[in-house]
C-alpha atoms as a PDB file:
ATOM      1  CA  UNK A   1      82.075 104.844 115.988  1.00  0.00           C
ATOM      2  CA  UNK A   2      84.894 102.284 116.065  1.00  0.00           C
ATOM      3  CA  UNK A   3      88.633 102.260 116.664  1.00  0.00           C
ATOM      4  CA  UNK A   4      91.010 104.820 115.146  1.00  0.00           C
ATOM      5  CA  UNK A   5      94.781 105.174 115.537  1.00  0.00           C
ATOM      6  CA  UNK A   6      96.216 108.278 113.869  1.00  0.00           C
ATOM      7  CA  UNK A   7      99.786 108.143 112.559  1.00  0.00           C
ATOM      8  CA  UNK A   8     101.758 111.392 112.980  1.00  0.00           C
ATOM      9  CA  UNK A   9     100.519 113.951 110.427  1.00  0.00           C
ATOM     10  CA  UNK A  10     103.079 115.499 108.079  1.00  0.00           C
ATOM     11  CA  UNK A  11     103.214 118.878 106.349  1.00  0.00           C
ATOM     12  CA  UNK A  12     104.384 118.975 102.727  1.00  0.00           C
ATOM     13  CA  UNK A  13     106.496 121.776 101.254  1.00  0.00           C
ATOM     14  CA  UNK A  14     103.361 123.334  99.700  1.00  0.00           C
ATOM     15  CA  UNK A  15     101.656 123.513 103.120  1.00  0.00           C
ATOM     16  CA  UNK A  16      99.372 120.534 102.516  1.00  0.00           C
ATOM     17  CA  UNK A  17      98.803 118.248 105.489  1.00  0.00           C
ATOM     18  CA  UNK A  18      98.728 114.463 105.133  1.00  0.00           C
ATOM     19  CA  UNK A  19      97.164 112.242 107.773  1.00  0.00           C
ATOM     20  CA  UNK A  20      97.027 108.467 107.982  1.00  0.00           C
ATOM     21  CA  UNK A  21      95.086 106.270 110.354  1.00  0.00           C
ATOM     22  CA  UNK A  22      94.394 102.631 111.012  1.00  0.00           C
ATOM     23  CA  UNK A  23      90.717 102.240 111.834  1.00  0.00           C
ATOM     24  CA  UNK A  24      87.925  99.758 112.406  1.00  0.00           C
ATOM     25  CA  UNK A  25      84.242 100.425 111.866  1.00  0.00           C
ATOM     26  CA  UNK A  26      84.126 103.865 110.367  1.00  0.00           C
ATOM     27  CA  UNK A  27      86.004 107.154 110.377  1.00  0.00           C
ATOM     28  CA  UNK A  28      84.642 110.651 109.741  1.00  0.00           C
ATOM     29  CA  UNK A  29      86.862 113.123 107.902  1.00  0.00           C
ATOM     30  CA  UNK A  30      85.848 116.306 106.099  1.00  0.00           C
ATOM     31  CA  UNK A  31      82.116 115.742 106.458  1.00  0.00           C
ATOM     32  CA  UNK A  32      82.315 112.237 104.955  1.00  0.00           C
ATOM     33  CA  UNK A  33      81.905 108.900 106.694  1.00  0.00           C
ATOM     34  CA  UNK A  34      84.143 106.068 105.503  1.00  0.00           C
ATOM     35  CA  UNK A  35      83.679 102.400 106.433  1.00  0.00           C
ATOM     36  CA  UNK A  36      86.379  99.808 106.934  1.00  0.00           C
ATOM     37  CA  UNK A  37      86.410  96.750 104.678  1.00  0.00           C
ATOM     38  CA  UNK A  38      87.323  94.409 107.489  1.00  0.00           C
ATOM     39  CA  UNK A  39      88.822  94.170 110.928  1.00  0.00           C
ATOM     40  CA  UNK A  40      91.321  97.054 110.727  1.00  0.00           C
ATOM     41  CA  UNK A  41      91.926  99.143 107.597  1.00  0.00           C
ATOM     42  CA  UNK A  42      93.927 102.169 106.458  1.00  0.00           C
ATOM     43  CA  UNK A  43      92.561 105.655 105.786  1.00  0.00           C
ATOM     44  CA  UNK A  44      94.634 108.554 104.496  1.00  0.00           C
ATOM     45  CA  UNK A  45      93.750 112.087 103.541  1.00  0.00           C
ATOM     46  CA  UNK A  46      95.200 115.275 102.121  1.00  0.00           C
ATOM     47  CA  UNK A  47      94.176 118.539 103.740  1.00  0.00           C
ATOM     48  CA  UNK A  48      94.803 121.987 102.341  1.00  0.00           C
ATOM     49  CA  UNK A  49      96.861 124.373 104.465  1.00  0.00           C
ATOM     50  CA  UNK A  50      93.592 125.853 105.816  1.00  0.00           C
ATOM     51  CA  UNK A  51      92.486 122.406 107.082  1.00  0.00           C
ATOM     52  CA  UNK A  52      89.911 121.734 104.355  1.00  0.00           C
ATOM     53  CA  UNK A  53      89.892 118.068 103.282  1.00  0.00           C
ATOM     54  CA  UNK A  54      90.950 117.710  99.632  1.00  0.00           C
ATOM     55  CA  UNK A  55      90.565 113.915  99.375  1.00  0.00           C
ATOM     56  CA  UNK A  56      90.266 110.744 101.473  1.00  0.00           C
ATOM     57  CA  UNK A  57      91.363 107.229 100.431  1.00  0.00           C
ATOM     58  CA  UNK A  58      90.629 103.872 102.086  1.00  0.00           C
ATOM     59  CA  UNK A  59      92.600 100.653 101.548  1.00  0.00           C
ATOM     60  CA  UNK A  60      92.276  97.321 103.256  1.00  0.00           C
ATOM     61  CA  UNK A  61      90.980  93.789 103.035  1.00  0.00           C
ATOM     62  CA  UNK A  62      88.748  91.686 105.223  1.00  0.00           C
ATOM     63  CA  UNK A  63      91.386  91.199 107.933  1.00  0.00           C
ATOM     64  CA  UNK A  64      93.865  93.354 109.870  1.00  0.00           C
ATOM     65  CA  UNK A  65      95.765  95.963 107.821  1.00  0.00           C
ATOM     66  CA  UNK A  66      97.604  98.924 109.282  1.00  0.00           C
ATOM     67  CA  UNK A  67     100.037 101.652 108.359  1.00  0.00           C
ATOM     68  CA  UNK A  68     103.188 101.958 110.472  1.00  0.00           C
ATOM     69  CA  UNK A  69     104.621 105.126 108.979  1.00  0.00           C
ATOM     70  CA  UNK A  70     104.771 107.252 105.846  1.00  0.00           C
ATOM     71  CA  UNK A  71     107.020 109.776 104.165  1.00  0.00           C
ATOM     72  CA  UNK A  72     106.559 112.595 101.680  1.00  0.00           C
ATOM     73  CA  UNK A  73     109.127 112.326  98.887  1.00  0.00           C
ATOM     74  CA  UNK A  74     111.010 115.302  97.427  1.00  0.00           C
ATOM     75  CA  UNK A  75     108.575 115.414  94.495  1.00  0.00           C
ATOM     76  CA  UNK A  76     105.579 115.448  96.851  1.00  0.00           C
ATOM     77  CA  UNK A  77     104.500 111.835  96.438  1.00  0.00           C
ATOM     78  CA  UNK A  78     103.663 109.589  99.379  1.00  0.00           C
ATOM     79  CA  UNK A  79     105.305 106.372 100.513  1.00  0.00           C
ATOM     80  CA  UNK A  80     103.577 104.361 103.192  1.00  0.00           C
ATOM     81  CA  UNK A  81     104.432 101.072 104.805  1.00  0.00           C
ATOM     82  CA  UNK A  82     102.795  98.746 107.202  1.00  0.00           C
ATOM     83  CA  UNK A  83     101.426  95.231 107.512  1.00  0.00           C
ATOM     84  CA  UNK A  84      98.479  93.399 105.969  1.00  0.00           C
ATOM     85  CA  UNK A  85      96.638  90.083 106.237  1.00  0.00           C
ATOM     86  CA  UNK A  86      94.443  88.374 103.631  1.00  0.00           C
ATOM     87  CA  UNK A  87      94.027  90.080 100.235  1.00  0.00           C
ATOM     88  CA  UNK A  88      94.185  93.869  99.914  1.00  0.00           C
ATOM     89  CA  UNK A  89      93.583  96.163  96.943  1.00  0.00           C
ATOM     90  CA  UNK A  90      96.215  98.883  97.371  1.00  0.00           C
ATOM     91  CA  UNK A  91      94.714 100.976  94.529  1.00  0.00           C
ATOM     92  CA  UNK A  92      91.889 102.990  96.129  1.00  0.00           C
ATOM     93  CA  UNK A  93      90.556 104.236  92.772  1.00  0.00           C
ATOM     94  CA  UNK A  94      87.297 103.009  91.284  1.00  0.00           C
ATOM     95  CA  UNK A  95      88.860 102.109  87.928  1.00  0.00           C
ATOM     96  CA  UNK A  96      92.043 100.365  89.110  1.00  0.00           C
ATOM     97  CA  UNK A  97      93.145  97.428  91.220  1.00  0.00           C
ATOM     98  CA  UNK A  98      96.456  96.274  92.646  1.00  0.00           C
ATOM     99  CA  UNK A  99      95.886  93.169  94.770  1.00  0.00           C
ATOM    100  CA  UNK A 100      98.418  91.657  97.126  1.00  0.00           C
ATOM    101  CA  UNK A 101      97.776  88.544  99.206  1.00  0.00           C
ATOM    102  CA  UNK A 102      99.429  87.823 102.541  1.00  0.00           C
ATOM    103  CA  UNK A 103     100.525  84.366 103.608  1.00  0.00           C
ATOM    104  CA  UNK A 104     100.162  85.247 107.308  1.00  0.00           C
ATOM    105  CA  UNK A 105      97.423  83.743 109.438  1.00  0.00           C
ATOM    106  CA  UNK A 106      97.134  86.040 112.454  1.00  0.00           C
ATOM    107  CA  UNK A 107      97.912  89.462 113.875  1.00  0.00           C
ATOM    108  CA  UNK A 108     101.670  90.041 113.771  1.00  0.00           C
ATOM    109  CA  UNK A 109     102.101  87.361 111.080  1.00  0.00           C
ATOM    110  CA  UNK A 110     101.043  89.446 108.088  1.00  0.00           C
ATOM    111  CA  UNK A 111     103.199  90.579 105.219  1.00  0.00           C
ATOM    112  CA  UNK A 112     104.869  93.978 105.098  1.00  0.00           C
ATOM    113  CA  UNK A 113     103.966  96.379 102.313  1.00  0.00           C
ATOM    114  CA  UNK A 114     105.360  99.518 100.732  1.00  0.00           C
ATOM    115  CA  UNK A 115     102.903 101.519  98.645  1.00  0.00           C
ATOM    116  CA  UNK A 116     103.311 104.780  96.729  1.00  0.00           C
ATOM    117  CA  UNK A 117     100.701 107.430  95.940  1.00  0.00           C
ATOM    118  CA  UNK A 118     100.752 110.694  93.985  1.00  0.00           C
ATOM    119  CA  UNK A 119      99.870 114.061  95.497  1.00  0.00           C
ATOM    120  CA  UNK A 120      96.326 113.374  94.219  1.00  0.00           C
ATOM    121  CA  UNK A 121      96.181 110.072  96.111  1.00  0.00           C
ATOM    122  CA  UNK A 122      96.520 107.946  92.978  1.00  0.00           C
ATOM    123  CA  UNK A 123      98.279 104.593  93.396  1.00  0.00           C
ATOM    124  CA  UNK A 124     101.739 104.283  91.849  1.00  0.00           C
ATOM    125  CA  UNK A 125     104.207 101.443  91.829  1.00  0.00           C
ATOM    126  CA  UNK A 126     107.047 102.462  94.138  1.00  0.00           C
ATOM    127  CA  UNK A 127     110.223 103.360  92.295  1.00  0.00           C
ATOM    128  CA  UNK A 128     112.911 101.945  94.552  1.00  0.00           C
ATOM    129  CA  UNK A 129     116.629 101.709  93.870  1.00  0.00           C
ATOM    130  CA  UNK A 130     117.830  98.140  93.529  1.00  0.00           C
ATOM    131  CA  UNK A 131     121.400  97.139  94.350  1.00  0.00           C
ATOM    132  CA  UNK A 132     122.087  94.271  91.950  1.00  0.00           C
ATOM    133  CA  UNK A 133     125.516  93.645  93.532  1.00  0.00           C
ATOM    134  CA  UNK A 134     124.110  92.519  96.911  1.00  0.00           C
END
């Protein structure tokens, strides 16, 4: 089966349940089997209030990538952050790509990331406030 580390699930205001995991090998959610791209990758899913899996997304490169935590924003979008090594495509869709490359060389030396996703699991650039006076 492989390694799986589930991050605390969260319940959205509409009753949907979001789960995130770092995994190696493969993970089985909602009757589907999903393979990692490398050493340790990130899987996340949206479940309906009745527990039925609505969608599953996988992101990761050929090295160690993991999610540390995530939040559901007021408008229902997802923000997740963690660490990655090598090159990772943070857009899990078939038609899109958003590559980031780490300059780290080993576990604990990777770059941090912040990624945003819609309630449908579509990648979005995070809209963060910037303090230009700092």
